[in-house]
């Protein structure tokens, strides 16, 4: 009977993890290019039940009792979100696979889907969080218009001139297993051993998406799905708590029989 307490407790602990993930997804519902996380569960070890000499047990083999459930993985869904028009020429959304590669303050590289860009004090394109693009695109101080093509070419207009001047190429990065990237906050990810296979290419090439200037990618969190999952999680937690109350009541009755 005591096993039931631990089994129900393992279920409650797993559902609490699910609740934490749902809460984070909902909190980032309006975060540009946020990617939702999902929880996978596994059943835990099994133990043999009390053996029986009945004919039924001999036919079906030894009976086993499961010992609960646990979280096996928390994975990230990198499916694309909807495009939101911003009319800002420095906003770019990635339509399809790929990441913008940026340089962190320690010199290491990170990757993001958030294309909300700006120009730093030296004229280079950087993210809203202050990480400079690894493509090193520098905007001339006298540029009046900035154009970013769907394949990543960056051109500017100087003053009143009609001619456009090419100043660089935005490249995209991608991985064989992007779901294994490690999130470090601010919509940034870093590579891990499991996400090996870094590929760099221009937007629009095979396996890479195109850029859309003047748009931002919304989060891929579906409010309805998250609320449905939240209800199921809450019900599962309640059921497991009821199991604990039932076992506690049965133990109380058992103890009262001895007195």
Protein backbone atom coordinates (compact mmCIF):
# COMPACT_ATOMS: atom_id res chain seq x y z
CA UNK A 1 0.00 0.00 0.00
CA UNK A 2 2.89 2.33 0.73
CA UNK A 3 4.05 1.92 -2.86
CA UNK A 4 0.92 3.76 -3.97
CA UNK A 5 2.07 6.82 -2.02
CA UNK A 6 5.38 6.97 -3.89
CA UNK A 7 3.72 6.23 -7.24
CA UNK A 8 1.23 9.07 -6.78
CA UNK A 9 4.00 11.38 -5.54
CA UNK A 10 6.06 10.69 -8.68
CA UNK A 11 3.04 11.57 -10.79
CA UNK A 12 2.52 14.84 -8.92
CA UNK A 13 6.18 15.75 -9.29
CA UNK A 14 6.05 15.08 -13.05
CA UNK A 15 2.90 17.18 -13.43
CA UNK A 16 4.53 20.04 -11.53
CA UNK A 17 7.33 20.05 -14.12
CA UNK A 18 4.70 20.11 -16.85
CA UNK A 19 3.03 23.05 -15.11
CA UNK A 20 6.34 24.95 -14.97
CA UNK A 21 6.85 24.46 -18.71
CA UNK A 22 3.29 25.56 -19.54
CA UNK A 23 3.71 28.64 -17.35
CA UNK A 24 6.88 29.61 -19.19
CA UNK A 25 5.20 29.10 -22.56
CA UNK A 26 2.25 31.29 -21.59
CA UNK A 27 4.52 33.96 -20.08
CA UNK A 28 6.28 34.26 -23.46
CA UNK A 29 3.12 34.29 -25.55
CA UNK A 30 4.01 37.74 -26.93
CA UNK A 31 7.81 37.30 -27.01
CA UNK A 32 9.05 37.66 -30.58
CA UNK A 33 10.28 34.39 -32.09
CA UNK A 34 9.88 32.49 -28.80
CA UNK A 35 9.80 28.70 -29.21
CA UNK A 36 7.55 26.69 -26.93
CA UNK A 37 8.77 23.74 -24.91
CA UNK A 38 7.09 20.37 -24.48
CA UNK A 39 7.44 17.71 -21.79
CA UNK A 40 7.79 13.97 -22.46
CA UNK A 41 7.01 11.39 -19.79
CA UNK A 42 8.22 7.83 -19.17
CA UNK A 43 6.93 5.14 -16.90
CA UNK A 44 9.37 4.20 -14.15
CA UNK A 45 10.73 0.80 -13.15
CA UNK A 46 8.45 -2.14 -12.53
CA UNK A 47 8.48 -4.61 -9.69
CA UNK A 48 7.10 -8.12 -9.63
CA UNK A 49 3.79 -8.46 -7.87
CA UNK A 50 3.19 -11.24 -5.37
CA UNK A 51 3.57 -14.43 -7.36
CA UNK A 52 0.55 -16.62 -7.80
CA UNK A 53 0.24 -20.30 -8.57
CA UNK A 54 -3.04 -19.84 -10.41
CA UNK A 55 -3.46 -21.21 -13.91
CA UNK A 56 -4.15 -17.71 -15.19
CA UNK A 57 -0.78 -16.47 -13.92
CA UNK A 58 1.02 -19.40 -15.53
CA UNK A 59 -0.54 -18.48 -18.87
CA UNK A 60 0.20 -14.78 -18.83
CA UNK A 61 3.49 -14.89 -16.96
CA UNK A 62 4.69 -13.01 -13.90
CA UNK A 63 2.53 -10.03 -12.89
CA UNK A 64 4.25 -6.65 -12.63
CA UNK A 65 3.29 -3.39 -10.97
CA UNK A 66 4.53 -0.03 -12.25
CA UNK A 67 6.25 2.39 -9.88
CA UNK A 68 5.01 5.67 -11.31
CA UNK A 69 6.04 8.18 -13.94
CA UNK A 70 8.82 10.69 -14.50
CA UNK A 71 9.94 13.37 -16.94
CA UNK A 72 12.12 11.91 -19.68
CA UNK A 73 12.80 15.08 -21.69
CA UNK A 74 11.90 18.74 -22.10
CA UNK A 75 12.25 19.54 -25.78
CA UNK A 76 11.81 22.74 -27.76
CA UNK A 77 9.49 23.11 -30.72
CA UNK A 78 11.23 25.14 -33.45
CA UNK A 79 8.27 25.35 -35.79
CA UNK A 80 7.81 28.81 -37.28
CA UNK A 81 5.48 31.41 -35.80
CA UNK A 82 3.28 33.83 -37.70
CA UNK A 83 4.77 36.95 -39.28
CA UNK A 84 3.82 40.31 -37.75
CA UNK A 85 4.30 43.45 -39.89
CA UNK A 86 6.18 46.24 -38.12
CA UNK A 87 7.10 48.64 -40.98
CA UNK A 88 10.54 48.90 -39.37
CA UNK A 89 13.24 48.34 -42.05
CA UNK A 90 15.59 46.89 -39.44
CA UNK A 91 13.15 44.13 -38.46
CA UNK A 92 13.68 40.85 -40.29
CA UNK A 93 11.79 37.59 -39.85
CA UNK A 94 13.08 34.18 -40.92
CA UNK A 95 10.54 32.32 -43.03
CA UNK A 96 11.60 28.72 -42.58
CA UNK A 97 14.59 27.02 -40.92
CA UNK A 98 17.61 28.92 -39.71
CA UNK A 99 19.02 31.25 -37.07
CA UNK A 100 20.79 34.57 -37.02
CA UNK A 101 24.32 34.10 -35.69
CA UNK A 102 25.46 36.70 -33.15
CA UNK A 103 28.60 37.34 -31.11
CA UNK A 104 28.33 37.40 -27.33
CA UNK A 105 30.33 39.68 -25.06
CA UNK A 106 32.79 36.85 -24.29
CA UNK A 107 33.50 36.29 -27.99
CA UNK A 108 31.47 33.10 -28.27
CA UNK A 109 28.71 32.64 -30.83
CA UNK A 110 25.00 32.31 -30.11
CA UNK A 111 21.94 31.92 -32.31
CA UNK A 112 18.55 33.57 -32.34
CA UNK A 113 15.34 33.74 -34.37
CA UNK A 114 14.50 37.21 -33.10
CA UNK A 115 15.25 39.58 -35.97
CA UNK A 116 14.53 42.82 -34.14
CA UNK A 117 17.72 44.62 -35.19
CA UNK A 118 19.19 48.05 -34.57
CA UNK A 119 22.38 49.96 -35.38
CA UNK A 120 25.00 50.23 -32.63
CA UNK A 121 27.27 53.22 -31.98
CA UNK A 122 29.81 51.92 -34.51
CA UNK A 123 27.20 51.44 -37.23
CA UNK A 124 27.02 47.65 -37.03
CA UNK A 125 23.75 45.72 -37.01
CA UNK A 126 23.00 44.14 -33.65
CA UNK A 127 20.06 42.52 -31.91
CA UNK A 128 17.79 44.37 -29.52
CA UNK A 129 19.78 42.71 -26.72
CA UNK A 130 23.04 44.25 -27.93
CA UNK A 131 24.64 41.22 -29.63
CA UNK A 132 26.34 42.12 -32.91
CA UNK A 133 25.53 40.01 -35.97
CA UNK A 134 28.36 37.66 -36.90
CA UNK A 135 27.94 38.80 -40.52
CA UNK A 136 29.45 42.18 -39.51
CA UNK A 137 27.11 44.43 -41.48
CA UNK A 138 28.12 48.08 -41.00
CA UNK A 139 25.65 50.79 -41.99
CA UNK A 140 27.21 54.04 -43.33
CA UNK A 141 26.39 57.02 -41.12
CA UNK A 142 24.96 58.96 -44.08
CA UNK A 143 22.63 56.14 -45.21
CA UNK A 144 19.04 57.28 -45.62
CA UNK A 145 17.38 53.97 -46.50
CA UNK A 146 18.22 50.33 -45.73
CA UNK A 147 17.07 47.43 -47.88
CA UNK A 148 17.36 43.74 -46.91
CA UNK A 149 16.43 41.24 -49.61
CA UNK A 150 14.80 37.90 -48.97
CA UNK A 151 18.16 36.24 -49.68
CA UNK A 152 20.01 38.40 -47.16
CA UNK A 153 21.73 41.04 -49.32
CA UNK A 154 21.90 44.38 -47.50
CA UNK A 155 21.93 47.61 -49.55
CA UNK A 156 21.64 51.25 -48.59
CA UNK A 157 20.80 54.53 -50.28
CA UNK A 158 23.15 57.42 -49.61
CA UNK A 159 21.53 60.84 -49.43
CA UNK A 160 19.27 61.57 -52.41
CA UNK A 161 21.06 59.22 -54.79
CA UNK A 162 18.91 56.72 -56.64
CA UNK A 163 21.63 54.09 -56.86
CA UNK A 164 21.77 51.48 -54.11
CA UNK A 165 25.08 50.37 -52.60
CA UNK A 166 25.59 46.77 -51.45
CA UNK A 167 27.24 46.69 -48.04
CA UNK A 168 27.08 43.07 -46.97
CA UNK A 169 25.32 39.72 -46.76
CA UNK A 170 23.33 38.37 -43.81
CA UNK A 171 23.94 34.66 -43.41
CA UNK A 172 21.88 32.10 -41.55
CA UNK A 173 22.98 29.20 -39.38
CA UNK A 174 21.28 25.87 -38.91
CA UNK A 175 21.87 22.57 -37.13
CA UNK A 176 21.18 18.91 -37.76
CA UNK A 177 19.41 18.71 -34.41
CA UNK A 178 18.27 22.22 -33.39
CA UNK A 179 16.07 20.88 -30.59
CA UNK A 180 19.26 20.13 -28.63
CA UNK A 181 20.36 23.78 -28.55
CA UNK A 182 20.76 25.21 -25.06
CA UNK A 183 18.69 28.28 -24.23
CA UNK A 184 20.59 31.00 -22.34
CA UNK A 185 17.86 33.65 -22.19
CA UNK A 186 17.12 36.75 -24.28
CA UNK A 187 15.92 34.46 -27.09
CA UNK A 188 19.50 33.18 -27.53
CA UNK A 189 20.73 29.63 -27.94
CA UNK A 190 24.19 28.11 -27.89
CA UNK A 191 25.36 24.92 -29.53
CA UNK A 192 25.83 21.69 -27.58
CA UNK A 193 27.47 18.38 -28.38
CA UNK A 194 24.06 16.94 -29.33
CA UNK A 195 23.32 19.80 -31.74
CA UNK A 196 26.53 19.32 -33.74
CA UNK A 197 26.60 19.90 -37.47
CA UNK A 198 26.60 23.70 -37.70
CA UNK A 199 25.80 24.84 -41.24
CA UNK A 200 26.18 28.39 -42.55
CA UNK A 201 24.51 29.53 -45.77
CA UNK A 202 22.70 32.44 -47.38
CA UNK A 203 18.94 32.70 -46.86
CA UNK A 204 16.96 30.85 -49.49
CA UNK A 205 19.51 28.09 -50.06
CA UNK A 206 18.48 24.47 -49.58
CA UNK A 207 17.58 23.83 -45.95
CA UNK A 208 17.38 27.53 -45.05
CA UNK A 209 14.49 29.97 -44.95
CA UNK A 210 14.16 33.41 -46.53
CA UNK A 211 14.22 36.78 -44.80
CA UNK A 212 11.23 39.12 -44.67
CA UNK A 213 12.13 42.77 -44.08
CA UNK A 214 9.69 44.79 -42.01
CA UNK A 215 8.32 41.76 -40.18
CA UNK A 216 8.93 39.95 -36.91
CA UNK A 217 8.18 36.33 -36.16
CA UNK A 218 5.67 35.82 -33.37
CA UNK A 219 6.00 33.09 -30.77
CA UNK A 220 4.74 29.66 -31.79
CA UNK A 221 2.78 29.28 -28.54
CA UNK A 222 -0.83 28.32 -29.23
CA UNK A 223 -2.92 29.74 -26.42
CA UNK A 224 -5.79 27.26 -26.86
CA UNK A 225 -3.50 24.22 -26.86
CA UNK A 226 -1.60 25.47 -23.82
CA UNK A 227 -4.82 26.06 -21.88
CA UNK A 228 -6.09 22.59 -22.77
CA UNK A 229 -2.80 21.06 -21.63
CA UNK A 230 -3.02 23.13 -18.44
CA UNK A 231 -6.47 21.71 -17.64
CA UNK A 232 -5.29 18.14 -18.25
CA UNK A 233 -2.22 18.74 -16.08
CA UNK A 234 -4.34 20.13 -13.26
CA UNK A 235 -6.73 17.17 -13.42
CA UNK A 236 -3.85 14.68 -13.39
CA UNK A 237 -2.35 16.40 -10.36
CA UNK A 238 -5.70 16.31 -8.55
CA UNK A 239 -6.19 12.61 -9.28
CA UNK A 240 -2.75 11.76 -7.91
CA UNK A 241 -3.46 13.80 -4.78
CA UNK A 242 -6.73 11.89 -4.33
CA UNK A 243 -4.78 8.63 -4.50
CA UNK A 244 -2.60 9.84 -1.63
CA UNK A 245 -5.67 10.80 0.40
CA UNK A 246 -7.25 7.40 -0.30
CA UNK A 247 -4.12 5.53 0.80
CA UNK A 248 -3.88 7.68 3.91
CA UNK A 249 -7.50 6.86 4.77
CA UNK A 250 -6.91 3.14 4.22
CA UNK A 251 -3.86 3.25 6.48
CA UNK A 252 -5.90 5.06 9.12
CA UNK A 253 -8.59 2.37 8.98
CA UNK A 254 -5.93 -0.35 9.14
CA UNK A 255 -4.37 1.22 12.23
CA UNK A 256 -7.75 1.57 13.92
CA UNK A 257 -8.38 -2.18 13.47
CA UNK A 258 -5.24 -2.95 15.48
CA UNK A 259 -6.27 -0.82 18.44
